[in-house]
Structures are given as C-alpha cells and as structure tokens.
PDB file of N, CA and C in Angstrom:
ATOM      1  N   UNK A   1       3.252 -14.137 -14.219  1.00  0.00           N
ATOM      2  CA  UNK A   1       4.736 -12.968 -14.402  1.00  0.00           C
ATOM      3  C   UNK A   1       4.456 -11.316 -14.838  1.00  0.00           C
ATOM      4  N   UNK A   2       3.706 -11.279 -14.874  1.00  0.00           N
ATOM      5  CA  UNK A   2       3.080  -9.398 -15.407  1.00  0.00           C
ATOM      6  C   UNK A   2       2.749  -9.055 -13.849  1.00  0.00           C
ATOM      7  N   UNK A   3       2.455  -7.766 -14.490  1.00  0.00           N
ATOM      8  CA  UNK A   3       2.324  -6.731 -13.170  1.00  0.00           C
ATOM      9  C   UNK A   3       0.229  -7.254 -13.272  1.00  0.00           C
ATOM     10  N   UNK A   4       0.807  -7.177 -11.023  1.00  0.00           N
ATOM     11  CA  UNK A   4      -0.765  -7.268 -10.987  1.00  0.00           C
ATOM     12  C   UNK A   4      -1.049  -6.123 -10.126  1.00  0.00           C
ATOM     13  N   UNK A   5      -2.252  -5.524 -10.335  1.00  0.00           N
ATOM     14  CA  UNK A   5      -3.202  -4.380  -9.327  1.00  0.00           C
ATOM     15  C   UNK A   5      -4.101  -4.770  -8.412  1.00  0.00           C
ATOM     16  N   UNK A   6      -4.246  -3.907  -7.442  1.00  0.00           N
ATOM     17  CA  UNK A   6      -5.513  -4.654  -6.970  1.00  0.00           C
ATOM     18  C   UNK A   6      -5.141  -3.176  -6.078  1.00  0.00           C
ATOM     19  N   UNK A   7      -6.038  -3.685  -5.108  1.00  0.00           N
ATOM     20  CA  UNK A   7      -6.186  -2.287  -3.839  1.00  0.00           C
ATOM     21  C   UNK A   7      -5.412  -2.457  -2.345  1.00  0.00           C
ATOM     22  N   UNK A   8      -5.441  -1.772  -1.734  1.00  0.00           N
ATOM     23  CA  UNK A   8      -3.739  -2.391  -0.683  1.00  0.00           C
ATOM     24  C   UNK A   8      -4.323  -3.079   0.376  1.00  0.00           C
ATOM     25  N   UNK A   9      -5.787  -3.939   0.384  1.00  0.00           N
ATOM     26  CA  UNK A   9      -6.173  -4.579   1.472  1.00  0.00           C
ATOM     27  C   UNK A   9      -5.621  -6.385   0.576  1.00  0.00           C
ATOM     28  N   UNK A  10      -4.630  -5.812  -0.536  1.00  0.00           N
ATOM     29  CA  UNK A  10      -4.056  -7.290  -1.889  1.00  0.00           C
ATOM     30  C   UNK A  10      -3.079  -7.839  -1.216  1.00  0.00           C
ATOM     31  N   UNK A  11      -2.218  -6.874   0.350  1.00  0.00           N
ATOM     32  CA  UNK A  11      -0.926  -6.886  -0.174  1.00  0.00           C
ATOM     33  C   UNK A  11      -0.983  -8.265   1.532  1.00  0.00           C
ATOM     34  N   UNK A  12      -0.390  -8.884   1.355  1.00  0.00           N
ATOM     35  CA  UNK A  12       0.255 -10.242   2.651  1.00  0.00           C
ATOM     36  C   UNK A  12       1.023  -9.542   2.970  1.00  0.00           C
ATOM     37  N   UNK A  13       1.099  -9.812   4.655  1.00  0.00           N
ATOM     38  CA  UNK A  13       2.263  -9.146   5.783  1.00  0.00           C
ATOM     39  C   UNK A  13       3.644  -9.341   4.676  1.00  0.00           C
ATOM     40  N   UNK A  14       4.959  -9.122   4.918  1.00  0.00           N
ATOM     41  CA  UNK A  14       5.763  -8.963   4.040  1.00  0.00           C
ATOM     42  C   UNK A  14       5.962  -8.671   2.629  1.00  0.00           C
ATOM     43  N   UNK A  15       4.497  -8.976   1.637  1.00  0.00           N
ATOM     44  CA  UNK A  15       4.898  -8.194   0.350  1.00  0.00           C
ATOM     45  C   UNK A  15       4.751  -6.715   0.226  1.00  0.00           C
ATOM     46  N   UNK A  16       5.367  -6.768  -0.966  1.00  0.00           N
ATOM     47  CA  UNK A  16       5.377  -5.234  -1.474  1.00  0.00           C
ATOM     48  C   UNK A  16       4.611  -4.761  -2.631  1.00  0.00           C
ATOM     49  N   UNK A  17       3.796  -3.311  -2.569  1.00  0.00           N
ATOM     50  CA  UNK A  17       4.104  -3.404  -4.265  1.00  0.00           C
ATOM     51  C   UNK A  17       3.733  -1.253  -3.966  1.00  0.00           C
ATOM     52  N   UNK A  18       3.632  -0.647  -5.220  1.00  0.00           N
ATOM     53  CA  UNK A  18       3.724   1.176  -5.906  1.00  0.00           C
ATOM     54  C   UNK A  18       2.290   1.202  -5.877  1.00  0.00           C
ATOM     55  N   UNK A  19       2.341   2.428  -4.990  1.00  0.00           N
ATOM     56  CA  UNK A  19       0.739   3.259  -4.864  1.00  0.00           C
ATOM     57  C   UNK A  19       0.512   3.526  -6.866  1.00  0.00           C
ATOM     58  N   UNK A  20      -0.394   3.115  -6.842  1.00  0.00           N
ATOM     59  CA  UNK A  20      -0.705   4.089  -8.090  1.00  0.00           C
ATOM     60  C   UNK A  20      -1.934   5.341  -8.017  1.00  0.00           C
ATOM     61  N   UNK A  21      -2.548   5.578  -6.753  1.00  0.00           N
ATOM     62  CA  UNK A  21      -3.976   6.030  -6.544  1.00  0.00           C
ATOM     63  C   UNK A  21      -4.633   5.858  -5.704  1.00  0.00           C
ATOM     64  N   UNK A  22      -5.086   7.139  -4.969  1.00  0.00           N
ATOM     65  CA  UNK A  22      -5.891   7.087  -3.908  1.00  0.00           C
ATOM     66  C   UNK A  22      -7.450   7.900  -4.125  1.00  0.00           C
ATOM     67  N   UNK A  23      -8.309   6.963  -4.361  1.00  0.00           N
ATOM     68  CA  UNK A  23      -9.571   7.179  -4.525  1.00  0.00           C
ATOM     69  C   UNK A  23     -10.531   7.612  -3.250  1.00  0.00           C
ATOM     70  N   UNK A  24     -10.319   8.046  -2.833  1.00  0.00           N
ATOM     71  CA  UNK A  24     -11.271   8.365  -1.542  1.00  0.00           C
ATOM     72  C   UNK A  24     -11.970   9.785  -1.377  1.00  0.00           C
ATOM     73  N   UNK A  25     -12.690  10.020  -0.166  1.00  0.00           N
ATOM     74  CA  UNK A  25     -13.539  11.320  -0.051  1.00  0.00           C
ATOM     75  C   UNK A  25     -12.310  11.904  -0.299  1.00  0.00           C
ATOM     76  N   UNK A  26     -12.013  13.339  -0.424  1.00  0.00           N
ATOM     77  CA  UNK A  26     -11.568  14.556  -0.380  1.00  0.00           C
ATOM     78  C   UNK A  26     -10.888  14.552   1.418  1.00  0.00           C
ATOM     79  N   UNK A  27     -11.381  14.915   1.891  1.00  0.00           N
ATOM     80  CA  UNK A  27     -10.590  14.621   3.416  1.00  0.00           C
ATOM     81  C   UNK A  27      -9.650  13.868   3.637  1.00  0.00           C
ATOM     82  N   UNK A  28     -10.145  12.603   3.451  1.00  0.00           N
ATOM     83  CA  UNK A  28      -9.809  11.064   4.127  1.00  0.00           C
ATOM     84  C   UNK A  28      -8.364  11.163   2.673  1.00  0.00           C
ATOM     85  N   UNK A  29      -8.823  11.588   1.854  1.00  0.00           N
ATOM     86  CA  UNK A  29      -7.625  11.488   0.829  1.00  0.00           C
ATOM     87  C   UNK A  29      -6.815  11.753   1.088  1.00  0.00           C
ATOM     88  N   UNK A  30      -6.963  13.487   1.594  1.00  0.00           N
ATOM     89  CA  UNK A  30      -5.504  14.397   1.366  1.00  0.00           C
ATOM     90  C   UNK A  30      -5.213  13.789   3.134  1.00  0.00           C
ATOM     91  N   UNK A  31      -5.632  13.041   4.479  1.00  0.00           N
ATOM     92  CA  UNK A  31      -5.098  12.577   5.044  1.00  0.00           C
ATOM     93  C   UNK A  31      -4.615  11.553   4.880  1.00  0.00           C
ATOM     94  N   UNK A  32      -4.274  10.690   4.338  1.00  0.00           N
ATOM     95  CA  UNK A  32      -3.688   9.856   3.198  1.00  0.00           C
ATOM     96  C   UNK A  32      -1.999  10.195   2.821  1.00  0.00           C
ATOM     97  N   UNK A  33      -2.822  10.842   1.849  1.00  0.00           N
ATOM     98  CA  UNK A  33      -1.443  11.621   1.131  1.00  0.00           C
ATOM     99  C   UNK A  33      -0.772  12.379   2.380  1.00  0.00           C
ATOM    100  N   UNK A  34      -1.117  13.072   3.297  1.00  0.00           N
ATOM    101  CA  UNK A  34       0.147  13.930   4.408  1.00  0.00           C
ATOM    102  C   UNK A  34       0.300  12.710   5.035  1.00  0.00           C
ATOM    103  N   UNK A  35      -0.148  11.555   5.101  1.00  0.00           N
ATOM    104  CA  UNK A  35       0.449  10.479   5.612  1.00  0.00           C
ATOM    105  C   UNK A  35       1.803   9.740   4.863  1.00  0.00           C
ATOM    106  N   UNK A  36       1.909   9.872   3.458  1.00  0.00           N
ATOM    107  CA  UNK A  36       3.339  10.498   3.050  1.00  0.00           C
ATOM    108  C   UNK A  36       2.887   8.844   1.897  1.00  0.00           C
ATOM    109  N   UNK A  37       1.212   8.132   2.033  1.00  0.00           N
ATOM    110  CA  UNK A  37       0.718   7.108   0.954  1.00  0.00           C
ATOM    111  C   UNK A  37       0.445   8.566  -0.331  1.00  0.00           C
ATOM    112  N   UNK A  38       1.160   8.970  -1.465  1.00  0.00           N
ATOM    113  CA  UNK A  38       1.108   9.367  -3.005  1.00  0.00           C
ATOM    114  C   UNK A  38       1.811   8.136  -3.817  1.00  0.00           C
ATOM    115  N   UNK A  39       1.261   8.543  -5.591  1.00  0.00           N
ATOM    116  CA  UNK A  39       1.351   8.153  -6.226  1.00  0.00           C
ATOM    117  C   UNK A  39       3.228   7.995  -6.249  1.00  0.00           C
ATOM    118  N   UNK A  40       3.635   6.459  -6.400  1.00  0.00           N
ATOM    119  CA  UNK A  40       4.666   6.301  -6.900  1.00  0.00           C
ATOM    120  C   UNK A  40       5.429   5.893  -5.500  1.00  0.00           C
ATOM    121  N   UNK A  41       4.746   5.820  -4.675  1.00  0.00           N
ATOM    122  CA  UNK A  41       5.735   5.160  -3.196  1.00  0.00           C
ATOM    123  C   UNK A  41       5.519   3.974  -2.942  1.00  0.00           C
ATOM    124  N   UNK A  42       6.457   3.476  -2.757  1.00  0.00           N
ATOM    125  CA  UNK A  42       6.857   1.859  -2.255  1.00  0.00           C
ATOM    126  C   UNK A  42       6.009   2.058  -1.172  1.00  0.00           C
ATOM    127  N   UNK A  43       5.279   0.807  -0.887  1.00  0.00           N
ATOM    128  CA  UNK A  43       4.711   0.391   0.644  1.00  0.00           C
ATOM    129  C   UNK A  43       4.860  -0.604   0.690  1.00  0.00           C
ATOM    130  N   UNK A  44       5.068  -1.623   1.896  1.00  0.00           N
ATOM    131  CA  UNK A  44       4.922  -2.575   2.142  1.00  0.00           C
ATOM    132  C   UNK A  44       4.153  -3.140   3.323  1.00  0.00           C
ATOM    133  N   UNK A  45       3.474  -4.506   3.282  1.00  0.00           N
ATOM    134  CA  UNK A  45       2.392  -4.757   4.370  1.00  0.00           C
ATOM    135  C   UNK A  45       3.414  -5.194   5.495  1.00  0.00           C
ATOM    136  N   UNK A  46       3.642  -4.888   6.664  1.00  0.00           N
ATOM    137  CA  UNK A  46       4.054  -4.883   7.216  1.00  0.00           C
ATOM    138  C   UNK A  46       3.893  -6.147   8.702  1.00  0.00           C
ATOM    139  N   UNK A  47       2.635  -6.278   9.158  1.00  0.00           N
ATOM    140  CA  UNK A  47       1.263  -6.203  10.192  1.00  0.00           C
ATOM    141  C   UNK A  47      -0.518  -6.393  10.063  1.00  0.00           C
ATOM    142  N   UNK A  48      -0.586  -7.549  10.606  1.00  0.00           N
ATOM    143  CA  UNK A  48      -2.447  -7.625  10.510  1.00  0.00           C
ATOM    144  C   UNK A  48      -2.940  -7.557  11.530  1.00  0.00           C
ATOM    145  N   UNK A  49      -3.697  -6.596  12.106  1.00  0.00           N
ATOM    146  CA  UNK A  49      -4.024  -6.600  13.422  1.00  0.00           C
ATOM    147  C   UNK A  49      -5.091  -8.229  13.993  1.00  0.00           C
ATOM    148  N   UNK A  50      -4.651  -9.251  15.115  1.00  0.00           N
ATOM    149  CA  UNK A  50      -5.055 -10.522  14.917  1.00  0.00           C
ATOM    150  C   UNK A  50      -6.634 -11.087  14.131  1.00  0.00           C
ATOM    151  N   UNK A  51      -7.448  -9.951  14.109  1.00  0.00           N
ATOM    152  CA  UNK A  51      -8.914  -9.984  13.460  1.00  0.00           C
ATOM    153  C   UNK A  51      -8.900  -8.898  12.233  1.00  0.00           C
ATOM    154  N   UNK A  52      -7.413  -8.885  11.685  1.00  0.00           N
ATOM    155  CA  UNK A  52      -7.554  -8.167  10.376  1.00  0.00           C
ATOM    156  C   UNK A  52      -7.801  -7.061  10.408  1.00  0.00           C
ATOM    157  N   UNK A  53      -8.211  -6.003  10.821  1.00  0.00           N
ATOM    158  CA  UNK A  53      -8.491  -4.781  10.923  1.00  0.00           C
ATOM    159  C   UNK A  53      -7.690  -4.102  12.312  1.00  0.00           C
ATOM    160  N   UNK A  54      -6.887  -2.851  11.774  1.00  0.00           N
ATOM    161  CA  UNK A  54      -6.404  -2.421  11.149  1.00  0.00           C
ATOM    162  C   UNK A  54      -4.751  -2.930  10.588  1.00  0.00           C
ATOM    163  N   UNK A  55      -4.369  -2.582   9.523  1.00  0.00           N
ATOM    164  CA  UNK A  55      -3.540  -3.112   9.422  1.00  0.00           C
ATOM    165  C   UNK A  55      -2.182  -2.242   9.150  1.00  0.00           C
ATOM    166  N   UNK A  56      -1.097  -2.684   9.484  1.00  0.00           N
ATOM    167  CA  UNK A  56       0.283  -1.506   9.863  1.00  0.00           C
ATOM    168  C   UNK A  56       1.497  -1.926   8.339  1.00  0.00           C
ATOM    169  N   UNK A  57       1.651  -0.949   7.680  1.00  0.00           N
ATOM    170  CA  UNK A  57       2.333  -1.100   6.407  1.00  0.00           C
ATOM    171  C   UNK A  57       3.721  -0.028   6.677  1.00  0.00           C
ATOM    172  N   UNK A  58       4.652  -0.292   5.747  1.00  0.00           N
ATOM    173  CA  UNK A  58       5.720   0.894   5.467  1.00  0.00           C
ATOM    174  C   UNK A  58       5.570   1.120   4.586  1.00  0.00           C
ATOM    175  N   UNK A  59       5.663   2.945   4.630  1.00  0.00           N
ATOM    176  CA  UNK A  59       6.043   3.515   3.764  1.00  0.00           C
ATOM    177  C   UNK A  59       6.710   4.705   4.002  1.00  0.00           C
ATOM    178  N   UNK A  60       8.012   4.977   2.678  1.00  0.00           N
ATOM    179  CA  UNK A  60       8.668   6.017   3.318  1.00  0.00           C
ATOM    180  C   UNK A  60       9.084   5.809   4.398  1.00  0.00           C
ATOM    181  N   UNK A  61       9.284   5.073   5.143  1.00  0.00           N
ATOM    182  CA  UNK A  61      10.335   4.381   6.081  1.00  0.00           C
ATOM    183  C   UNK A  61       9.516   4.971   7.526  1.00  0.00           C
ATOM    184  N   UNK A  62       8.428   5.052   7.718  1.00  0.00           N
ATOM    185  CA  UNK A  62       7.206   4.788   8.651  1.00  0.00           C
ATOM    186  C   UNK A  62       6.363   3.811   8.797  1.00  0.00           C
ATOM    187  N   UNK A  63       6.044   3.299   9.806  1.00  0.00           N
ATOM    188  CA  UNK A  63       5.005   2.191  10.043  1.00  0.00           C
ATOM    189  C   UNK A  63       3.687   3.279  10.570  1.00  0.00           C
ATOM    190  N   UNK A  64       2.511   2.608   9.209  1.00  0.00           N
ATOM    191  CA  UNK A  64       1.321   4.025   9.886  1.00  0.00           C
ATOM    192  C   UNK A  64       0.295   2.564   9.626  1.00  0.00           C
ATOM    193  N   UNK A  65      -0.547   2.865  10.573  1.00  0.00           N
ATOM    194  CA  UNK A  65      -1.854   1.763  10.649  1.00  0.00           C
ATOM    195  C   UNK A  65      -3.399   2.454   9.373  1.00  0.00           C
ATOM    196  N   UNK A  66      -3.611   1.120   8.635  1.00  0.00           N
ATOM    197  CA  UNK A  66      -4.612   2.033   7.714  1.00  0.00           C
ATOM    198  C   UNK A  66      -5.552   0.446   7.947  1.00  0.00           C
ATOM    199  N   UNK A  67      -7.296   1.908   8.189  1.00  0.00           N
ATOM    200  CA  UNK A  67      -8.192   0.700   8.629  1.00  0.00           C
ATOM    201  C   UNK A  67      -8.162  -0.002   7.124  1.00  0.00           C
ATOM    202  N   UNK A  68      -9.121  -1.094   6.780  1.00  0.00           N
ATOM    203  CA  UNK A  68      -9.458  -2.309   6.014  1.00  0.00           C
ATOM    204  C   UNK A  68     -10.353  -0.862   4.756  1.00  0.00           C
ATOM    205  N   UNK A  69     -11.330  -0.117   5.550  1.00  0.00           N
ATOM    206  CA  UNK A  69     -12.042   0.802   4.953  1.00  0.00           C
ATOM    207  C   UNK A  69     -11.537   1.683   4.136  1.00  0.00           C
ATOM    208  N   UNK A  70     -10.446   2.417   3.997  1.00  0.00           N
ATOM    209  CA  UNK A  70      -9.771   3.011   3.851  1.00  0.00           C
ATOM    210  C   UNK A  70      -8.926   2.909   3.076  1.00  0.00           C
ATOM    211  N   UNK A  71      -8.439   1.074   3.383  1.00  0.00           N
ATOM    212  CA  UNK A  71      -7.275   0.719   2.238  1.00  0.00           C
ATOM    213  C   UNK A  71      -7.715   0.418   1.389  1.00  0.00           C
ATOM    214  N   UNK A  72      -9.060   0.191   0.844  1.00  0.00           N
ATOM    215  CA  UNK A  72      -9.657  -0.617   0.154  1.00  0.00           C
ATOM    216  C   UNK A  72     -10.154   0.872  -1.571  1.00  0.00           C
ATOM    217  N   UNK A  73      -9.496   1.835  -0.895  1.00  0.00           N
ATOM    218  CA  UNK A  73      -9.323   3.161  -1.958  1.00  0.00           C
ATOM    219  C   UNK A  73      -8.293   3.461  -2.353  1.00  0.00           C
ATOM    220  N   UNK A  74      -7.347   2.624  -2.042  1.00  0.00           N
ATOM    221  CA  UNK A  74      -5.892   2.761  -2.652  1.00  0.00           C
ATOM    222  C   UNK A  74      -5.287   1.862  -3.522  1.00  0.00           C
ATOM    223  N   UNK A  75      -5.027   2.115  -5.013  1.00  0.00           N
ATOM    224  CA  UNK A  75      -4.701   1.434  -6.129  1.00  0.00           C
ATOM    225  C   UNK A  75      -3.527   0.971  -5.860  1.00  0.00           C
ATOM    226  N   UNK A  76      -2.892  -0.257  -6.305  1.00  0.00           N
ATOM    227  CA  UNK A  76      -1.557  -0.435  -5.734  1.00  0.00           C
ATOM    228  C   UNK A  76      -1.128  -1.145  -6.697  1.00  0.00           C
ATOM    229  N   UNK A  77       0.266  -1.335  -7.424  1.00  0.00           N
ATOM    230  CA  UNK A  77       0.796  -2.313  -8.136  1.00  0.00           C
ATOM    231  C   UNK A  77       1.864  -2.937  -7.281  1.00  0.00           C
ATOM    232  N   UNK A  78       0.792  -4.690  -7.250  1.00  0.00           N
ATOM    233  CA  UNK A  78       1.830  -5.645  -6.083  1.00  0.00           C
ATOM    234  C   UNK A  78       2.771  -6.526  -7.380  1.00  0.00           C
ATOM    235  N   UNK A  79       3.563  -6.023  -6.795  1.00  0.00           N
ATOM    236  CA  UNK A  79       5.307  -6.126  -6.810  1.00  0.00           C
ATOM    237  C   UNK A  79       5.024  -8.071  -6.307  1.00  0.00           C
ATOM    238  N   UNK A  80       5.789  -8.599  -7.360  1.00  0.00           N
ATOM    239  CA  UNK A  80       5.488 -10.257  -7.692  1.00  0.00           C
ATOM    240  C   UNK A  80       7.152 -10.484  -7.722  1.00  0.00           C
ATOM    241  N   UNK A  81       7.114 -11.726  -6.389  1.00  0.00           N
ATOM    242  CA  UNK A  81       8.297 -12.232  -6.050  1.00  0.00           C
ATOM    243  C   UNK A  81       9.229 -13.034  -7.130  1.00  0.00           C
ATOM    244  N   UNK A  82       8.086 -13.838  -7.604  1.00  0.00           N
ATOM    245  CA  UNK A  82       8.122 -14.431  -9.368  1.00  0.00           C
ATOM    246  C   UNK A  82       9.008 -13.231  -9.945  1.00  0.00           C
ATOM    247  N   UNK A  83       8.591 -12.431 -10.487  1.00  0.00           N
ATOM    248  CA  UNK A  83       9.392 -11.694 -11.280  1.00  0.00           C
ATOM    249  C   UNK A  83      10.543 -11.448 -11.257  1.00  0.00           C
ATOM    250  N   UNK A  84      11.450 -11.463 -10.333  1.00  0.00           N
ATOM    251  CA  UNK A  84      12.429 -10.986 -10.092  1.00  0.00           C
ATOM    252  C   UNK A  84      12.661  -9.214  -9.238  1.00  0.00           C
ATOM    253  N   UNK A  85      11.506  -8.768  -8.411  1.00  0.00           N
ATOM    254  CA  UNK A  85      11.560  -7.579  -8.130  1.00  0.00           C
ATOM    255  C   UNK A  85      11.467  -6.664  -9.459  1.00  0.00           C
ATOM    256  N   UNK A  86      11.084  -5.533  -8.512  1.00  0.00           N
ATOM    257  CA  UNK A  86      11.318  -4.312  -9.818  1.00  0.00           C
ATOM    258  C   UNK A  86      12.023  -3.293  -9.955  1.00  0.00           C
ATOM    259  N   UNK A  87      12.128  -2.980 -10.995  1.00  0.00           N
ATOM    260  CA  UNK A  87      13.393  -1.744 -11.384  1.00  0.00           C
ATOM    261  C   UNK A  87      12.831  -0.331 -11.334  1.00  0.00           C
ATOM    262  N   UNK A  88      11.639  -0.327 -10.060  1.00  0.00           N
ATOM    263  CA  UNK A  88      11.766   1.144  -9.441  1.00  0.00           C
ATOM    264  C   UNK A  88      12.284   1.511  -8.302  1.00  0.00           C
ATOM    265  N   UNK A  89      12.308   2.119  -8.078  1.00  0.00           N
ATOM    266  CA  UNK A  89      13.182   2.828  -6.845  1.00  0.00           C
ATOM    267  C   UNK A  89      12.867   3.501  -5.263  1.00  0.00           C
ATOM    268  N   UNK A  90      12.923   2.992  -3.987  1.00  0.00           N
ATOM    269  CA  UNK A  90      11.999   3.865  -3.332  1.00  0.00           C
ATOM    270  C   UNK A  90      12.641   5.464  -3.612  1.00  0.00           C
ATOM    271  N   UNK A  91      11.244   5.646  -2.891  1.00  0.00           N
ATOM    272  CA  UNK A  91      10.833   6.971  -2.938  1.00  0.00           C
ATOM    273  C   UNK A  91      10.930   7.264  -1.368  1.00  0.00           C
TER     274      UNK A  91
END
C-alpha cells in the first residue's frame, strides 16, 4: 500500500501516476517537457496501440502518444487504487 515508483511504461490503461523526472538526452527531454511532461504533473495511461507501441497518455488535459523508448526515461510515482487515491492535485 506504499508508494510505488517506476517508469512511464509501467502504467496500464486507466492507471494514473505523478511525473517525478525525465532522464533523457537534452533534445528529447526538452521536447517531452514542451508537451507538458514536467515534474509534478499527473499523467494517465489512456490507450495502448495494438502492438503496444506507442502509448497514448492524458497529461494537462491533452492526449499525447509517446514511444516506449522515450517513456522508459520518464520516472513516475504510480497511484495505487488500493490507497484511496493521492492527496496531490492536478496541475
């Protein structure tokens, strides 16, 4: 029931988490931040493509698709459905 961390690929459709950081090359990292993937933002896995790559996520009210190779560089805290949610607010 504690907090679980992982990378963005750990989320399954319907699961939510909080972005803890992006650990990618500078150009890719900046592009991801420009799309709204910044530390402290809530993110939800929306859809997986039929072959599992890319995956669509809701962040800051928009739907974006990210390749698994890039999603592996995004560290998140996974919101546990058993913990009764999180006390954080949407950003």
